[in-house]
Amino acid sequence: QVQLVESGGGLVQPGGSLRLSCTVSGTIFGIYMAWYRQAPGKQRELVARITTGSTTIYLDSVKGRFTISRDNAKNTVSLQMNSLKPEDTAVYYCDAKTTVMHYWGKGTLVTVSS
């Protein structure tokens, strides 16, 4: 079955950068892939989304700092995060939306602190 595995999280100083990657097993016939994040006690929020046509959308607070991309026959999706801020601290989840359902990864923790 389809599985999503995130990687690339870790501890970074404010102003630093991290690149998250999501590996999707098998082939997914879908509409878009996205990155969500959730901080403790907070609601999950959409960070960035990219369609099969490479149309992108970003959370206003990350616009200009984060870049989502997909490659390898749409089997992977990455999130390049630059100029990180403490408010970016959260567990980041990869999401793949197909015509049938959403598939979620287990998440990778990003901590921005000095």
N, C-alpha and C. Protein backbone atom coordinates (compact mmCIF):
# COMPACT_ATOMS: atom_id res chain seq x y z
N GLN A 1 0.84 -1.21 0.00
CA GLN A 1 0.00 0.00 0.00
C GLN A 1 0.87 1.25 0.00
N VAL A 2 0.23 2.37 -0.18
CA VAL A 2 0.93 3.64 -0.24
C VAL A 2 1.38 4.07 1.15
N GLN A 3 2.63 4.53 1.22
CA GLN A 3 3.17 5.05 2.46
C GLN A 3 3.97 6.31 2.18
N LEU A 4 3.91 7.25 3.12
CA LEU A 4 4.66 8.49 3.02
C LEU A 4 5.61 8.58 4.20
N VAL A 5 6.86 8.90 3.92
CA VAL A 5 7.87 9.02 4.96
C VAL A 5 8.59 10.35 4.84
N GLU A 6 8.51 11.16 5.90
CA GLU A 6 9.17 12.45 5.91
C GLU A 6 10.57 12.34 6.51
N SER A 7 11.44 13.24 6.10
CA SER A 7 12.78 13.29 6.64
C SER A 7 13.33 14.71 6.51
N GLY A 8 14.38 15.00 7.24
CA GLY A 8 15.02 16.29 7.13
C GLY A 8 14.80 17.24 8.29
N GLY A 9 13.94 16.85 9.22
CA GLY A 9 13.69 17.71 10.36
C GLY A 9 14.88 17.74 11.30
N GLY A 10 14.85 18.68 12.23
CA GLY A 10 15.94 18.79 13.18
C GLY A 10 15.94 20.13 13.87
N LEU A 11 17.03 20.42 14.55
CA LEU A 11 17.20 21.69 15.26
C LEU A 11 18.01 22.65 14.41
N VAL A 12 17.50 23.86 14.29
CA VAL A 12 18.18 24.87 13.49
C VAL A 12 18.05 26.23 14.18
N GLN A 13 19.04 27.07 14.00
CA GLN A 13 19.01 28.41 14.57
C GLN A 13 18.10 29.33 13.77
N PRO A 14 17.55 30.35 14.41
CA PRO A 14 16.74 31.32 13.67
C PRO A 14 17.56 31.88 12.52
N GLY A 15 16.93 32.00 11.36
CA GLY A 15 17.62 32.49 10.19
C GLY A 15 18.26 31.39 9.37
N GLY A 16 18.28 30.19 9.92
CA GLY A 16 18.87 29.07 9.23
C GLY A 16 17.94 28.43 8.23
N SER A 17 18.39 27.33 7.66
CA SER A 17 17.62 26.64 6.63
C SER A 17 17.56 25.14 6.87
N LEU A 18 16.50 24.54 6.39
CA LEU A 18 16.31 23.10 6.41
C LEU A 18 15.57 22.70 5.15
N ARG A 19 15.82 21.49 4.72
CA ARG A 19 15.11 20.96 3.57
C ARG A 19 14.43 19.67 3.97
N LEU A 20 13.12 19.65 3.90
CA LEU A 20 12.34 18.48 4.23
C LEU A 20 12.04 17.69 2.96
N SER A 21 12.04 16.39 3.09
CA SER A 21 11.71 15.54 1.95
C SER A 21 10.65 14.53 2.35
N CYS A 22 9.83 14.19 1.40
CA CYS A 22 8.78 13.20 1.61
C CYS A 22 8.86 12.18 0.50
N THR A 23 9.06 10.94 0.88
CA THR A 23 9.14 9.87 -0.09
C THR A 23 7.83 9.11 -0.11
N VAL A 24 7.27 8.97 -1.28
CA VAL A 24 5.99 8.28 -1.44
C VAL A 24 6.22 6.94 -2.11
N SER A 25 5.76 5.89 -1.49
CA SER A 25 5.90 4.56 -2.06
C SER A 25 4.87 4.33 -3.15
N GLY A 26 5.26 3.55 -4.15
CA GLY A 26 4.34 3.24 -5.23
C GLY A 26 4.00 4.44 -6.08
N THR A 27 2.92 4.29 -6.80
CA THR A 27 2.46 5.35 -7.68
C THR A 27 1.11 5.86 -7.21
N ILE A 28 1.01 7.16 -7.08
CA ILE A 28 -0.24 7.77 -6.63
C ILE A 28 -0.82 8.62 -7.75
N PHE A 29 -2.05 8.37 -8.04
CA PHE A 29 -2.77 9.17 -9.03
C PHE A 29 -3.53 10.21 -8.24
N GLY A 30 -3.01 11.42 -8.22
CA GLY A 30 -3.61 12.43 -7.39
C GLY A 30 -3.69 13.81 -7.99
N ILE A 31 -4.10 14.73 -7.12
CA ILE A 31 -4.29 16.11 -7.51
C ILE A 31 -3.15 16.99 -7.01
N TYR A 32 -2.78 16.78 -5.76
CA TYR A 32 -1.70 17.59 -5.22
C TYR A 32 -0.98 16.90 -4.06
N MET A 33 0.17 17.45 -3.72
CA MET A 33 0.91 17.03 -2.54
C MET A 33 1.16 18.28 -1.73
N ALA A 34 1.25 18.12 -0.44
CA ALA A 34 1.37 19.28 0.42
C ALA A 34 2.13 19.00 1.70
N TRP A 35 2.53 20.07 2.33
CA TRP A 35 3.15 20.01 3.65
C TRP A 35 2.25 20.75 4.63
N TYR A 36 1.97 20.11 5.74
CA TYR A 36 1.22 20.71 6.83
C TYR A 36 2.14 20.74 8.04
N ARG A 37 1.77 21.53 9.02
CA ARG A 37 2.53 21.52 10.26
C ARG A 37 1.60 21.71 11.44
N GLN A 38 2.03 21.22 12.58
CA GLN A 38 1.25 21.35 13.79
C GLN A 38 2.16 21.50 15.00
N ALA A 39 1.97 22.59 15.71
CA ALA A 39 2.72 22.84 16.93
C ALA A 39 1.90 22.30 18.10
N PRO A 40 2.55 21.96 19.22
CA PRO A 40 1.83 21.45 20.37
C PRO A 40 0.71 22.39 20.81
N GLY A 41 -0.49 21.85 20.97
CA GLY A 41 -1.61 22.65 21.40
C GLY A 41 -2.21 23.53 20.33
N LYS A 42 -1.70 23.42 19.12
CA LYS A 42 -2.20 24.23 18.02
C LYS A 42 -2.86 23.37 16.96
N GLN A 43 -3.65 24.00 16.12
CA GLN A 43 -4.30 23.29 15.03
C GLN A 43 -3.33 23.08 13.87
N ARG A 44 -3.56 22.02 13.14
CA ARG A 44 -2.76 21.75 11.97
C ARG A 44 -3.05 22.81 10.91
N GLU A 45 -2.02 23.27 10.22
CA GLU A 45 -2.20 24.27 9.19
C GLU A 45 -1.45 23.89 7.92
N LEU A 46 -2.02 24.27 6.81
CA LEU A 46 -1.40 24.01 5.52
C LEU A 46 -0.24 24.98 5.34
N VAL A 47 0.94 24.44 5.06
CA VAL A 47 2.12 25.26 4.86
C VAL A 47 2.33 25.56 3.38
N ALA A 48 2.27 24.53 2.58
CA ALA A 48 2.46 24.69 1.15
C ALA A 48 1.84 23.52 0.41
N ARG A 49 1.39 23.78 -0.80
CA ARG A 49 0.77 22.75 -1.61
C ARG A 49 1.21 22.91 -3.06
N ILE A 50 1.36 21.80 -3.75
CA ILE A 50 1.75 21.83 -5.15
C ILE A 50 0.91 20.83 -5.92
N THR A 51 0.38 21.25 -7.05
CA THR A 51 -0.46 20.39 -7.87
C THR A 51 0.39 19.63 -8.87
N THR A 52 -0.25 18.74 -9.61
CA THR A 52 0.45 17.98 -10.63
C THR A 52 0.94 18.91 -11.73
N GLY A 53 0.31 20.06 -11.85
CA GLY A 53 0.72 21.03 -12.84
C GLY A 53 1.72 22.02 -12.30
N SER A 54 2.20 21.77 -11.09
CA SER A 54 3.21 22.59 -10.42
C SER A 54 2.71 23.96 -9.97
N THR A 55 1.40 24.09 -9.85
CA THR A 55 0.84 25.30 -9.28
C THR A 55 1.05 25.21 -7.77
N THR A 56 1.48 26.29 -7.17
CA THR A 56 1.77 26.27 -5.74
C THR A 56 0.95 27.28 -4.95
N ILE A 57 0.81 26.98 -3.68
CA ILE A 57 0.14 27.88 -2.76
C ILE A 57 0.88 27.79 -1.43
N TYR A 58 1.02 28.91 -0.76
CA TYR A 58 1.75 28.95 0.50
C TYR A 58 0.98 29.65 1.61
N LEU A 59 1.26 29.22 2.81
CA LEU A 59 0.75 29.91 3.98
C LEU A 59 1.38 31.30 3.95
N ASP A 60 0.60 32.31 4.22
CA ASP A 60 1.08 33.67 4.13
C ASP A 60 2.37 33.91 4.92
N SER A 61 2.46 33.33 6.10
CA SER A 61 3.61 33.57 6.95
C SER A 61 4.91 32.92 6.46
N VAL A 62 4.82 32.03 5.49
CA VAL A 62 6.02 31.39 4.97
C VAL A 62 6.33 31.81 3.54
N LYS A 63 5.44 32.57 2.95
CA LYS A 63 5.62 33.03 1.58
C LYS A 63 6.93 33.80 1.44
N GLY A 64 7.71 33.42 0.42
CA GLY A 64 8.98 34.07 0.20
C GLY A 64 10.13 33.42 0.93
N ARG A 65 9.81 32.55 1.89
CA ARG A 65 10.85 31.87 2.66
C ARG A 65 10.89 30.37 2.37
N PHE A 66 9.74 29.78 2.10
CA PHE A 66 9.64 28.35 1.83
C PHE A 66 9.36 28.11 0.36
N THR A 67 9.86 27.00 -0.15
CA THR A 67 9.60 26.61 -1.52
C THR A 67 9.28 25.12 -1.58
N ILE A 68 8.13 24.79 -2.13
CA ILE A 68 7.74 23.40 -2.27
C ILE A 68 8.03 22.95 -3.70
N SER A 69 8.46 21.71 -3.84
CA SER A 69 8.75 21.17 -5.16
C SER A 69 8.49 19.68 -5.17
N ARG A 70 8.33 19.13 -6.35
CA ARG A 70 8.12 17.70 -6.49
C ARG A 70 8.91 17.21 -7.69
N ASP A 71 9.36 15.98 -7.61
CA ASP A 71 10.15 15.42 -8.70
C ASP A 71 10.10 13.90 -8.69
N ASN A 72 10.96 13.31 -9.49
CA ASN A 72 11.04 11.85 -9.59
C ASN A 72 9.68 11.23 -9.86
N ALA A 73 9.10 11.66 -10.97
CA ALA A 73 7.80 11.14 -11.39
C ALA A 73 6.73 11.34 -10.31
N LYS A 74 6.85 12.43 -9.60
CA LYS A 74 5.89 12.80 -8.55
C LYS A 74 5.91 11.88 -7.35
N ASN A 75 7.00 11.16 -7.19
CA ASN A 75 7.10 10.25 -6.05
C ASN A 75 7.69 10.91 -4.81
N THR A 76 8.21 12.11 -4.97
CA THR A 76 8.77 12.83 -3.84
C THR A 76 8.31 14.28 -3.85
N VAL A 77 8.27 14.85 -2.68
CA VAL A 77 7.96 16.26 -2.54
C VAL A 77 8.89 16.81 -1.47
N SER A 78 9.42 17.99 -1.73
CA SER A 78 10.35 18.61 -0.80
C SER A 78 9.87 19.99 -0.38
N LEU A 79 10.37 20.42 0.75
CA LEU A 79 10.06 21.75 1.25
C LEU A 79 11.37 22.39 1.69
N GLN A 80 11.83 23.35 0.91
CA GLN A 80 13.03 24.09 1.26
C GLN A 80 12.61 25.25 2.15
N MET A 81 13.14 25.29 3.35
CA MET A 81 12.77 26.31 4.31
C MET A 81 13.97 27.18 4.62
N ASN A 82 13.86 28.45 4.29
CA ASN A 82 14.92 29.41 4.54
C ASN A 82 14.45 30.47 5.53
N SER A 83 15.40 31.19 6.08
CA SER A 83 15.10 32.26 7.03
C SER A 83 14.12 31.80 8.10
N LEU A 84 14.41 30.66 8.67
CA LEU A 84 13.51 30.07 9.65
C LEU A 84 13.36 30.93 10.91
N LYS A 85 12.16 30.92 11.44
CA LYS A 85 11.81 31.67 12.63
C LYS A 85 11.34 30.71 13.72
N PRO A 86 11.44 31.12 14.98
CA PRO A 86 10.98 30.26 16.07
C PRO A 86 9.52 29.82 15.89
N GLU A 87 8.70 30.66 15.30
CA GLU A 87 7.30 30.34 15.07
C GLU A 87 7.11 29.22 14.05
N ASP A 88 8.17 28.85 13.35
CA ASP A 88 8.09 27.75 12.40
C ASP A 88 8.23 26.40 13.09
N THR A 89 8.55 26.41 14.36
CA THR A 89 8.71 25.18 15.11
C THR A 89 7.41 24.39 15.13
N ALA A 90 7.49 23.16 14.69
CA ALA A 90 6.30 22.31 14.60
C ALA A 90 6.69 20.95 14.05
N VAL A 91 5.74 20.04 14.09
CA VAL A 91 5.91 18.77 13.41
C VAL A 91 5.35 18.98 12.01
N TYR A 92 6.15 18.67 11.03
CA TYR A 92 5.74 18.86 9.65
C TYR A 92 5.30 17.54 9.04
N TYR A 93 4.13 17.55 8.42
CA TYR A 93 3.56 16.36 7.83
C TYR A 93 3.42 16.47 6.33
N CYS A 94 3.73 15.40 5.65
CA CYS A 94 3.55 15.32 4.22
C CYS A 94 2.17 14.76 3.92
N ASP A 95 1.51 15.32 2.94
CA ASP A 95 0.18 14.88 2.56
C ASP A 95 0.11 14.70 1.05
N ALA A 96 -0.44 13.59 0.63
CA ALA A 96 -0.66 13.33 -0.78
C ALA A 96 -2.15 13.13 -0.99
N LYS A 97 -2.74 13.97 -1.83
CA LYS A 97 -4.16 13.89 -2.10
C LYS A 97 -4.40 13.20 -3.44
N THR A 98 -5.16 12.13 -3.40
CA THR A 98 -5.53 11.42 -4.61
C THR A 98 -7.00 11.71 -4.89
N THR A 99 -7.51 11.11 -5.93
CA THR A 99 -8.92 11.29 -6.25
C THR A 99 -9.81 10.56 -5.26
N VAL A 100 -9.20 9.71 -4.44
CA VAL A 100 -9.95 8.91 -3.49
C VAL A 100 -9.78 9.36 -2.04
N MET A 101 -8.56 9.66 -1.66
CA MET A 101 -8.28 9.99 -0.27
C MET A 101 -6.98 10.75 -0.08
N HIS A 102 -6.74 11.12 1.16
CA HIS A 102 -5.48 11.74 1.55
C HIS A 102 -4.61 10.67 2.19
N TYR A 103 -3.30 10.74 1.92
CA TYR A 103 -2.34 9.86 2.56
C TYR A 103 -1.41 10.75 3.37
N TRP A 104 -1.16 10.35 4.60
CA TRP A 104 -0.34 11.15 5.51
C TRP A 104 0.91 10.44 5.99
N GLY A 105 1.97 11.21 6.16
CA GLY A 105 3.17 10.68 6.75
C GLY A 105 3.05 10.82 8.25
N LYS A 106 4.03 10.31 8.99
CA LYS A 106 3.99 10.38 10.44
C LYS A 106 4.58 11.68 10.99
N GLY A 107 5.24 12.44 10.15
CA GLY A 107 5.75 13.73 10.55
C GLY A 107 7.22 13.76 10.89
N THR A 108 7.81 14.94 10.78
CA THR A 108 9.20 15.16 11.16
C THR A 108 9.26 16.49 11.92
N LEU A 109 9.94 16.47 13.05
CA LEU A 109 9.99 17.65 13.91
C LEU A 109 11.02 18.67 13.48
N VAL A 110 10.58 19.91 13.39
CA VAL A 110 11.46 21.03 13.08
C VAL A 110 11.45 21.96 14.29
N THR A 111 12.61 22.20 14.85
CA THR A 111 12.73 23.08 15.99
C THR A 111 13.67 24.23 15.64
N VAL A 112 13.15 25.44 15.73
CA VAL A 112 13.93 26.63 15.43
C VAL A 112 14.18 27.37 16.73
N SER A 113 15.41 27.35 17.18
CA SER A 113 15.74 27.95 18.47
C SER A 113 17.21 28.30 18.54
N SER A 114 17.51 29.34 19.31
CA SER A 114 18.88 29.73 19.55
C SER A 114 19.28 29.40 20.97
